[in-house]
Amino acid sequence: MKKIIAIICVLFAVATTQAQEKKRNAKLTIEVDGVCMMCKKRIEKAALKTKGVKFANWDVKTHNLALIIDERKTDKILICQSLASAGHDSKDIRATQEAYDNLHPCCKYRDEEVKEDHK
């Protein structure tokens, strides 16, 4: 009887440990260039399309993209690549000129005149 109880306890401990290891969510913040609510929608959509991103919220004023990610499935560079493909620069990866040119004229965040219009 003692052996059965000991085996059950060991199995329970192993199962609990494995369940805790599966969850690897992390908070991450990335500075992303943009100027308006259309940029917000595009940035958040690009981030959420990245496998492993569970939550994305971009702040128009601070340009900070707050994320919750599964570290086993993605990392900062993969997310920045998705953002660059959508036309938005981050500190790690700059969008190609082609991707940037595809942005709506009101979203041209590299243009000082557009930046001033959104203040």
N, C-alpha and C. Protein backbone atom coordinates (compact mmCIF):
# COMPACT_ATOMS: atom_id res chain seq x y z
N MET A 1 0.81 -1.20 0.00
CA MET A 1 0.00 0.00 0.00
C MET A 1 0.86 1.26 0.00
N LYS A 2 1.98 1.24 0.78
CA LYS A 2 2.87 2.39 0.83
C LYS A 2 3.49 2.65 -0.53
N LYS A 3 3.80 1.56 -1.27
CA LYS A 3 4.41 1.71 -2.59
C LYS A 3 3.45 2.38 -3.56
N ILE A 4 2.19 2.01 -3.48
CA ILE A 4 1.18 2.58 -4.38
C ILE A 4 1.03 4.08 -4.10
N ILE A 5 0.97 4.44 -2.85
CA ILE A 5 0.84 5.85 -2.48
C ILE A 5 2.08 6.63 -2.94
N ALA A 6 3.25 6.05 -2.76
CA ALA A 6 4.49 6.70 -3.18
C ALA A 6 4.52 6.90 -4.70
N ILE A 7 4.09 5.90 -5.44
CA ILE A 7 4.06 5.99 -6.91
C ILE A 7 3.07 7.08 -7.35
N ILE A 8 1.92 7.12 -6.73
CA ILE A 8 0.92 8.14 -7.07
C ILE A 8 1.47 9.54 -6.79
N CYS A 9 2.14 9.71 -5.68
CA CYS A 9 2.72 11.02 -5.33
C CYS A 9 3.78 11.44 -6.35
N VAL A 10 4.63 10.51 -6.76
CA VAL A 10 5.66 10.81 -7.76
C VAL A 10 5.02 11.18 -9.09
N LEU A 11 4.02 10.42 -9.52
CA LEU A 11 3.34 10.73 -10.78
C LEU A 11 2.66 12.10 -10.71
N PHE A 12 2.06 12.42 -9.60
CA PHE A 12 1.42 13.71 -9.44
C PHE A 12 2.44 14.85 -9.50
N ALA A 13 3.58 14.66 -8.87
CA ALA A 13 4.63 15.69 -8.87
C ALA A 13 5.18 15.90 -10.28
N VAL A 14 5.39 14.83 -11.03
CA VAL A 14 5.89 14.93 -12.40
C VAL A 14 4.87 15.64 -13.28
N ALA A 15 3.61 15.28 -13.17
CA ALA A 15 2.55 15.90 -13.98
C ALA A 15 2.43 17.39 -13.67
N THR A 16 2.53 17.77 -12.43
CA THR A 16 2.44 19.17 -12.03
C THR A 16 3.62 19.96 -12.58
N THR A 17 4.81 19.40 -12.51
CA THR A 17 6.00 20.07 -13.02
C THR A 17 5.91 20.27 -14.53
N GLN A 18 5.47 19.28 -15.27
CA GLN A 18 5.36 19.40 -16.72
C GLN A 18 4.32 20.43 -17.10
N ALA A 19 3.23 20.49 -16.38
CA ALA A 19 2.18 21.46 -16.68
C ALA A 19 2.69 22.89 -16.47
N GLN A 20 3.51 23.10 -15.47
CA GLN A 20 4.06 24.42 -15.21
C GLN A 20 5.08 24.82 -16.28
N GLU A 21 5.83 23.88 -16.82
CA GLU A 21 6.83 24.18 -17.83
C GLU A 21 6.20 24.55 -19.17
N LYS A 22 5.00 24.08 -19.45
CA LYS A 22 4.35 24.37 -20.72
C LYS A 22 4.05 25.85 -20.89
N LYS A 23 3.67 26.51 -19.81
CA LYS A 23 3.29 27.91 -19.89
C LYS A 23 4.53 28.78 -19.82
N ARG A 24 4.86 29.43 -20.92
CA ARG A 24 6.03 30.30 -20.97
C ARG A 24 5.64 31.65 -21.56
N ASN A 25 4.67 32.29 -20.97
CA ASN A 25 4.26 33.60 -21.44
C ASN A 25 5.20 34.66 -20.87
N ALA A 26 5.49 35.66 -21.69
CA ALA A 26 6.36 36.74 -21.26
C ALA A 26 5.80 38.06 -21.76
N LYS A 27 6.06 39.12 -21.00
CA LYS A 27 5.69 40.47 -21.42
C LYS A 27 6.88 41.07 -22.15
N LEU A 28 6.58 41.83 -23.19
CA LEU A 28 7.63 42.42 -24.01
C LEU A 28 7.13 43.77 -24.51
N THR A 29 8.01 44.75 -24.60
CA THR A 29 7.67 46.06 -25.14
C THR A 29 8.65 46.40 -26.25
N ILE A 30 8.11 46.83 -27.39
CA ILE A 30 8.92 47.21 -28.54
C ILE A 30 8.50 48.61 -28.97
N GLU A 31 9.47 49.48 -29.23
CA GLU A 31 9.16 50.80 -29.76
C GLU A 31 8.99 50.69 -31.26
N VAL A 32 7.83 51.12 -31.77
CA VAL A 32 7.48 50.99 -33.19
C VAL A 32 7.03 52.35 -33.70
N ASP A 33 7.57 52.75 -34.86
CA ASP A 33 7.20 54.04 -35.45
C ASP A 33 5.85 53.98 -36.13
N GLY A 34 5.07 55.04 -35.95
CA GLY A 34 3.75 55.20 -36.54
C GLY A 34 3.19 56.52 -36.05
N VAL A 35 2.05 56.95 -36.62
CA VAL A 35 1.54 58.27 -36.25
C VAL A 35 0.04 58.33 -35.95
N CYS A 36 -0.72 57.33 -36.30
CA CYS A 36 -2.18 57.49 -36.19
C CYS A 36 -2.88 56.19 -35.81
N MET A 37 -4.20 56.27 -35.76
CA MET A 37 -5.00 55.10 -35.39
C MET A 37 -4.98 54.03 -36.49
N MET A 38 -4.80 54.43 -37.74
CA MET A 38 -4.66 53.42 -38.80
C MET A 38 -3.35 52.65 -38.60
N CYS A 39 -2.31 53.36 -38.18
CA CYS A 39 -1.03 52.71 -37.87
C CYS A 39 -1.23 51.73 -36.71
N LYS A 40 -1.95 52.16 -35.69
CA LYS A 40 -2.22 51.31 -34.53
C LYS A 40 -2.84 50.00 -34.96
N LYS A 41 -3.86 50.10 -35.78
CA LYS A 41 -4.56 48.88 -36.24
C LYS A 41 -3.60 47.97 -37.02
N ARG A 42 -2.81 48.57 -37.92
CA ARG A 42 -1.90 47.80 -38.75
C ARG A 42 -0.78 47.15 -37.92
N ILE A 43 -0.23 47.90 -36.97
CA ILE A 43 0.85 47.39 -36.12
C ILE A 43 0.35 46.24 -35.26
N GLU A 44 -0.79 46.42 -34.63
CA GLU A 44 -1.33 45.36 -33.77
C GLU A 44 -1.68 44.12 -34.59
N LYS A 45 -2.25 44.33 -35.77
CA LYS A 45 -2.60 43.19 -36.64
C LYS A 45 -1.35 42.43 -37.07
N ALA A 46 -0.30 43.16 -37.45
CA ALA A 46 0.95 42.50 -37.86
C ALA A 46 1.56 41.72 -36.71
N ALA A 47 1.52 42.30 -35.52
CA ALA A 47 2.07 41.60 -34.35
C ALA A 47 1.27 40.34 -34.04
N LEU A 48 -0.06 40.46 -34.05
CA LEU A 48 -0.91 39.31 -33.72
C LEU A 48 -0.84 38.20 -34.76
N LYS A 49 -0.46 38.53 -36.00
CA LYS A 49 -0.31 37.50 -37.02
C LYS A 49 0.95 36.67 -36.80
N THR A 50 1.86 37.17 -35.99
CA THR A 50 3.08 36.44 -35.67
C THR A 50 2.75 35.31 -34.72
N LYS A 51 3.11 34.09 -35.11
CA LYS A 51 2.83 32.93 -34.28
C LYS A 51 3.46 33.12 -32.90
N GLY A 52 2.66 32.90 -31.87
CA GLY A 52 3.16 33.01 -30.50
C GLY A 52 2.81 34.32 -29.83
N VAL A 53 2.28 35.29 -30.57
CA VAL A 53 1.86 36.55 -29.97
C VAL A 53 0.41 36.41 -29.51
N LYS A 54 0.19 36.62 -28.23
CA LYS A 54 -1.14 36.43 -27.65
C LYS A 54 -1.88 37.74 -27.43
N PHE A 55 -1.14 38.82 -27.26
CA PHE A 55 -1.74 40.12 -26.99
C PHE A 55 -0.84 41.20 -27.57
N ALA A 56 -1.45 42.23 -28.18
CA ALA A 56 -0.68 43.35 -28.72
C ALA A 56 -1.48 44.63 -28.56
N ASN A 57 -0.83 45.66 -28.01
CA ASN A 57 -1.48 46.96 -27.85
C ASN A 57 -0.42 48.04 -28.08
N TRP A 58 -0.61 48.82 -29.16
CA TRP A 58 0.33 49.89 -29.51
C TRP A 58 -0.23 51.23 -29.05
N ASP A 59 0.57 52.01 -28.36
CA ASP A 59 0.17 53.33 -27.87
C ASP A 59 0.63 54.40 -28.86
N VAL A 60 -0.31 55.17 -29.39
CA VAL A 60 -0.03 56.18 -30.40
C VAL A 60 0.93 57.25 -29.88
N LYS A 61 0.79 57.66 -28.63
CA LYS A 61 1.62 58.73 -28.08
C LYS A 61 3.04 58.29 -27.76
N THR A 62 3.19 57.14 -27.14
CA THR A 62 4.52 56.69 -26.72
C THR A 62 5.23 55.83 -27.76
N HIS A 63 4.47 55.32 -28.72
CA HIS A 63 4.98 54.42 -29.78
C HIS A 63 5.44 53.08 -29.22
N ASN A 64 4.99 52.74 -28.02
CA ASN A 64 5.35 51.46 -27.42
C ASN A 64 4.30 50.40 -27.73
N LEU A 65 4.78 49.26 -28.20
CA LEU A 65 3.93 48.12 -28.47
C LEU A 65 4.09 47.14 -27.31
N ALA A 66 3.03 47.01 -26.52
CA ALA A 66 3.03 46.08 -25.38
C ALA A 66 2.54 44.72 -25.88
N LEU A 67 3.30 43.69 -25.56
CA LEU A 67 3.00 42.34 -26.05
C LEU A 67 3.00 41.33 -24.93
N ILE A 68 2.22 40.29 -25.12
CA ILE A 68 2.34 39.06 -24.33
C ILE A 68 2.60 37.97 -25.35
N ILE A 69 3.72 37.27 -25.17
CA ILE A 69 4.12 36.27 -26.16
C ILE A 69 4.41 34.93 -25.49
N ASP A 70 4.35 33.89 -26.31
CA ASP A 70 4.78 32.56 -25.89
C ASP A 70 6.23 32.45 -26.34
N GLU A 71 7.16 32.47 -25.41
CA GLU A 71 8.59 32.46 -25.72
C GLU A 71 9.04 31.22 -26.48
N ARG A 72 8.26 30.15 -26.41
CA ARG A 72 8.63 28.93 -27.12
C ARG A 72 8.34 29.05 -28.61
N LYS A 73 7.48 29.99 -29.00
CA LYS A 73 7.04 30.08 -30.39
C LYS A 73 7.56 31.31 -31.13
N THR A 74 7.95 32.35 -30.41
CA THR A 74 8.39 33.57 -31.09
C THR A 74 9.41 34.31 -30.25
N ASP A 75 9.98 35.35 -30.85
CA ASP A 75 10.90 36.23 -30.13
C ASP A 75 10.81 37.64 -30.71
N LYS A 76 11.55 38.55 -30.14
CA LYS A 76 11.48 39.95 -30.52
C LYS A 76 11.80 40.17 -32.00
N ILE A 77 12.81 39.49 -32.51
CA ILE A 77 13.23 39.67 -33.90
C ILE A 77 12.13 39.23 -34.87
N LEU A 78 11.49 38.10 -34.62
CA LEU A 78 10.41 37.65 -35.50
C LEU A 78 9.25 38.65 -35.53
N ILE A 79 8.95 39.21 -34.39
CA ILE A 79 7.88 40.20 -34.32
C ILE A 79 8.28 41.46 -35.08
N CYS A 80 9.51 41.91 -34.90
CA CYS A 80 10.00 43.10 -35.60
C CYS A 80 10.00 42.88 -37.12
N GLN A 81 10.28 41.65 -37.56
CA GLN A 81 10.23 41.35 -38.99
C GLN A 81 8.80 41.47 -39.52
N SER A 82 7.83 41.01 -38.74
CA SER A 82 6.43 41.14 -39.14
C SER A 82 6.02 42.60 -39.23
N LEU A 83 6.47 43.39 -38.27
CA LEU A 83 6.16 44.82 -38.27
C LEU A 83 6.79 45.51 -39.47
N ALA A 84 8.03 45.15 -39.78
CA ALA A 84 8.72 45.74 -40.93
C ALA A 84 8.02 45.36 -42.23
N SER A 85 7.54 44.14 -42.31
CA SER A 85 6.80 43.71 -43.51
C SER A 85 5.52 44.53 -43.70
N ALA A 86 4.95 44.99 -42.58
CA ALA A 86 3.74 45.80 -42.63
C ALA A 86 4.07 47.27 -42.91
N GLY A 87 5.37 47.62 -42.91
CA GLY A 87 5.79 48.98 -43.22
C GLY A 87 6.21 49.82 -42.05
N HIS A 88 6.38 49.23 -40.88
CA HIS A 88 6.71 50.01 -39.68
C HIS A 88 8.09 49.66 -39.14
N ASP A 89 8.85 50.72 -38.82
CA ASP A 89 10.20 50.57 -38.28
C ASP A 89 10.16 50.29 -36.78
N SER A 90 11.14 49.50 -36.34
CA SER A 90 11.41 49.35 -34.92
C SER A 90 12.89 49.63 -34.74
N LYS A 91 13.37 49.63 -33.53
CA LYS A 91 14.80 49.88 -33.31
C LYS A 91 15.66 48.75 -33.88
N ASP A 92 15.10 47.54 -33.95
CA ASP A 92 15.88 46.39 -34.41
C ASP A 92 15.84 46.19 -35.92
N ILE A 93 14.69 46.46 -36.54
CA ILE A 93 14.55 46.21 -37.98
C ILE A 93 13.80 47.37 -38.63
N ARG A 94 14.37 47.89 -39.69
CA ARG A 94 13.76 48.98 -40.44
C ARG A 94 12.97 48.40 -41.61
N ALA A 95 11.78 48.95 -41.86
CA ALA A 95 10.95 48.50 -42.98
C ALA A 95 11.64 48.84 -44.30
N THR A 96 11.44 48.00 -45.29
CA THR A 96 11.99 48.28 -46.61
C THR A 96 11.26 49.50 -47.18
N GLN A 97 11.89 50.16 -48.13
CA GLN A 97 11.26 51.33 -48.75
C GLN A 97 9.97 50.92 -49.44
N GLU A 98 9.96 49.74 -50.05
CA GLU A 98 8.76 49.25 -50.72
C GLU A 98 7.60 49.08 -49.74
N ALA A 99 7.87 48.47 -48.59
CA ALA A 99 6.82 48.28 -47.57
C ALA A 99 6.35 49.63 -47.04
N TYR A 100 7.28 50.54 -46.81
CA TYR A 100 6.92 51.87 -46.32
C TYR A 100 6.08 52.62 -47.34
N ASP A 101 6.44 52.53 -48.62
CA ASP A 101 5.70 53.21 -49.68
C ASP A 101 4.27 52.72 -49.81
N ASN A 102 3.99 51.49 -49.36
CA ASN A 102 2.64 50.93 -49.43
C ASN A 102 1.71 51.46 -48.34
N LEU A 103 2.25 52.21 -47.39
CA LEU A 103 1.42 52.79 -46.33
C LEU A 103 0.53 53.89 -46.89
N HIS A 104 -0.59 54.09 -46.24
CA HIS A 104 -1.50 55.19 -46.59
C HIS A 104 -0.72 56.51 -46.43
N PRO A 105 -0.97 57.51 -47.28
CA PRO A 105 -0.24 58.78 -47.19
C PRO A 105 -0.27 59.42 -45.79
N CYS A 106 -1.36 59.24 -45.05
CA CYS A 106 -1.46 59.82 -43.72
C CYS A 106 -0.56 59.10 -42.71
N CYS A 107 -0.06 57.92 -43.07
CA CYS A 107 0.74 57.09 -42.15
C CYS A 107 2.25 57.19 -42.41
N LYS A 108 2.68 58.09 -43.25
CA LYS A 108 4.10 58.22 -43.60
C LYS A 108 4.87 58.85 -42.44
N TYR A 109 5.18 58.06 -41.44
CA TYR A 109 5.80 58.53 -40.19
C TYR A 109 7.22 59.03 -40.37
N ARG A 110 7.88 58.74 -41.48
CA ARG A 110 9.24 59.25 -41.72
C ARG A 110 9.20 60.69 -42.23
N ASP A 111 8.06 61.16 -42.67
CA ASP A 111 7.87 62.51 -43.21
C ASP A 111 7.57 63.47 -42.06
N GLU A 112 8.42 64.46 -41.87
CA GLU A 112 8.25 65.41 -40.76
C GLU A 112 6.92 66.16 -40.84
N GLU A 113 6.49 66.48 -42.05
CA GLU A 113 5.23 67.21 -42.23
C GLU A 113 4.04 66.37 -41.73
N VAL A 114 4.05 65.08 -42.02
CA VAL A 114 2.99 64.18 -41.57
C VAL A 114 3.03 64.07 -40.04
N LYS A 115 4.23 63.97 -39.47
CA LYS A 115 4.35 63.92 -38.01
C LYS A 115 3.74 65.15 -37.35
N GLU A 116 4.02 66.31 -37.92
CA GLU A 116 3.48 67.56 -37.38
C GLU A 116 1.96 67.60 -37.48
N ASP A 117 1.41 67.10 -38.58
CA ASP A 117 -0.04 67.08 -38.75
C ASP A 117 -0.75 66.23 -37.69
N HIS A 118 -0.05 65.26 -37.14
CA HIS A 118 -0.68 64.34 -36.18
C HIS A 118 -0.46 64.76 -34.72
N LYS A 119 0.18 65.88 -34.50
CA LYS A 119 0.41 66.32 -33.10
C LYS A 119 -0.79 67.01 -32.55
